[in-house]
Amino acid sequence: MQMVQYVSILLEGFVMILGLMLVAKKKVYGWGFALTFAIYVFYDLSNLLSLGIPKNFLYTLFFAATFSVLWAVWGVYQES
């Protein structure tokens, strides 16, 4: 099952890169996707590797990721 978690983290990294590619195409909402998935990668790696990062900090980061993706999806919605 741990292999699935590694694959998931790798896919999150790809989504982050795609978000940055959107930014390169002048799509501001790409920052929201890039930030969200960068936080997901950090969050998952910190849990997987037991980095000892305080849970309250991780919860705050997860909230920031949720807000960031909400902003990004709102940008996509407004563009369509």
Protein backbone atom coordinates (compact mmCIF):
# COMPACT_ATOMS: atom_id res chain seq x y z
CA MET A 1 0.00 0.00 0.00
CA GLN A 2 2.94 2.31 0.57
CA MET A 3 3.69 2.15 -3.17
CA VAL A 4 0.30 3.71 -3.87
CA GLN A 5 1.22 6.61 -1.61
CA TYR A 6 4.50 7.16 -3.50
CA VAL A 7 2.65 7.11 -6.82
CA SER A 8 0.08 9.55 -5.43
CA ILE A 9 2.82 11.96 -4.34
CA LEU A 10 4.42 11.69 -7.77
CA LEU A 11 1.08 12.48 -9.46
CA GLU A 12 0.57 15.44 -7.13
CA GLY A 13 3.97 16.71 -8.25
CA PHE A 14 2.90 16.43 -11.89
CA VAL A 15 -0.27 18.39 -11.19
CA MET A 16 1.84 21.08 -9.52
CA ILE A 17 4.01 21.29 -12.64
CA LEU A 18 0.91 21.51 -14.84
CA GLY A 19 -0.30 24.38 -12.67
CA LEU A 20 2.97 26.19 -13.33
CA MET A 21 2.57 25.48 -17.04
CA LEU A 22 -0.82 27.20 -16.86
CA VAL A 23 0.89 30.20 -15.30
CA ALA A 24 3.31 30.23 -18.24
CA LYS A 25 0.25 30.47 -20.50
CA LYS A 26 -0.89 33.58 -18.60
CA LYS A 27 -3.57 31.70 -16.65
CA VAL A 28 -3.35 33.23 -13.19
CA TYR A 29 -5.42 30.45 -11.63
CA GLY A 30 -2.52 28.10 -12.37
CA TRP A 31 -0.87 29.52 -9.24
CA GLY A 32 -3.77 28.17 -7.18
CA PHE A 33 -3.36 24.66 -8.57
CA ALA A 34 0.43 24.78 -8.25
CA LEU A 35 0.28 25.99 -4.64
CA THR A 36 -2.40 23.48 -3.67
CA PHE A 37 -0.51 20.51 -5.02
CA ALA A 38 2.84 21.72 -3.70
CA ILE A 39 1.23 21.76 -0.25
CA TYR A 40 -0.23 18.28 -0.86
CA VAL A 41 3.24 16.95 -1.77
CA PHE A 42 4.75 18.51 1.36
CA TYR A 43 1.87 17.30 3.55
CA ASP A 44 2.03 13.73 2.26
CA LEU A 45 5.81 13.53 2.41
CA SER A 46 5.89 14.90 5.95
CA ASN A 47 3.44 12.21 7.04
CA LEU A 48 5.11 9.43 5.05
CA LEU A 49 8.61 10.26 6.30
CA SER A 50 7.50 11.14 9.86
CA LEU A 51 9.25 14.50 9.77
CA GLY A 52 7.82 15.54 13.11
CA ILE A 53 6.10 18.65 11.80
CA PRO A 54 3.44 19.85 14.26
CA LYS A 55 -0.07 18.72 13.29
CA ASN A 56 -1.50 22.21 13.80
CA PHE A 57 0.91 23.55 11.17
CA LEU A 58 -0.05 20.77 8.76
CA TYR A 59 -3.76 21.45 9.33
CA THR A 60 -3.18 25.13 8.59
CA LEU A 61 -1.33 24.23 5.39
CA PHE A 62 -4.14 21.89 4.37
CA PHE A 63 -6.65 24.70 4.91
CA ALA A 64 -4.50 27.00 2.77
CA ALA A 65 -4.45 24.34 0.04
CA THR A 66 -8.24 24.06 0.16
CA PHE A 67 -8.63 27.82 -0.11
CA SER A 68 -6.08 27.94 -2.93
CA VAL A 69 -7.85 25.34 -5.03
CA LEU A 70 -11.19 27.07 -4.39
CA TRP A 71 -9.67 30.29 -5.77
CA ALA A 72 -8.25 28.40 -8.76
CA VAL A 73 -11.53 26.68 -9.62
CA TRP A 74 -13.33 30.01 -9.28
CA GLY A 75 -10.90 31.43 -11.84
CA VAL A 76 -11.58 28.55 -14.23
CA TYR A 77 -15.32 29.00 -13.75
CA GLN A 78 -15.17 32.74 -14.46
CA GLU A 79 -13.13 32.14 -17.60
CA SER A 80 -15.65 29.69 -19.05
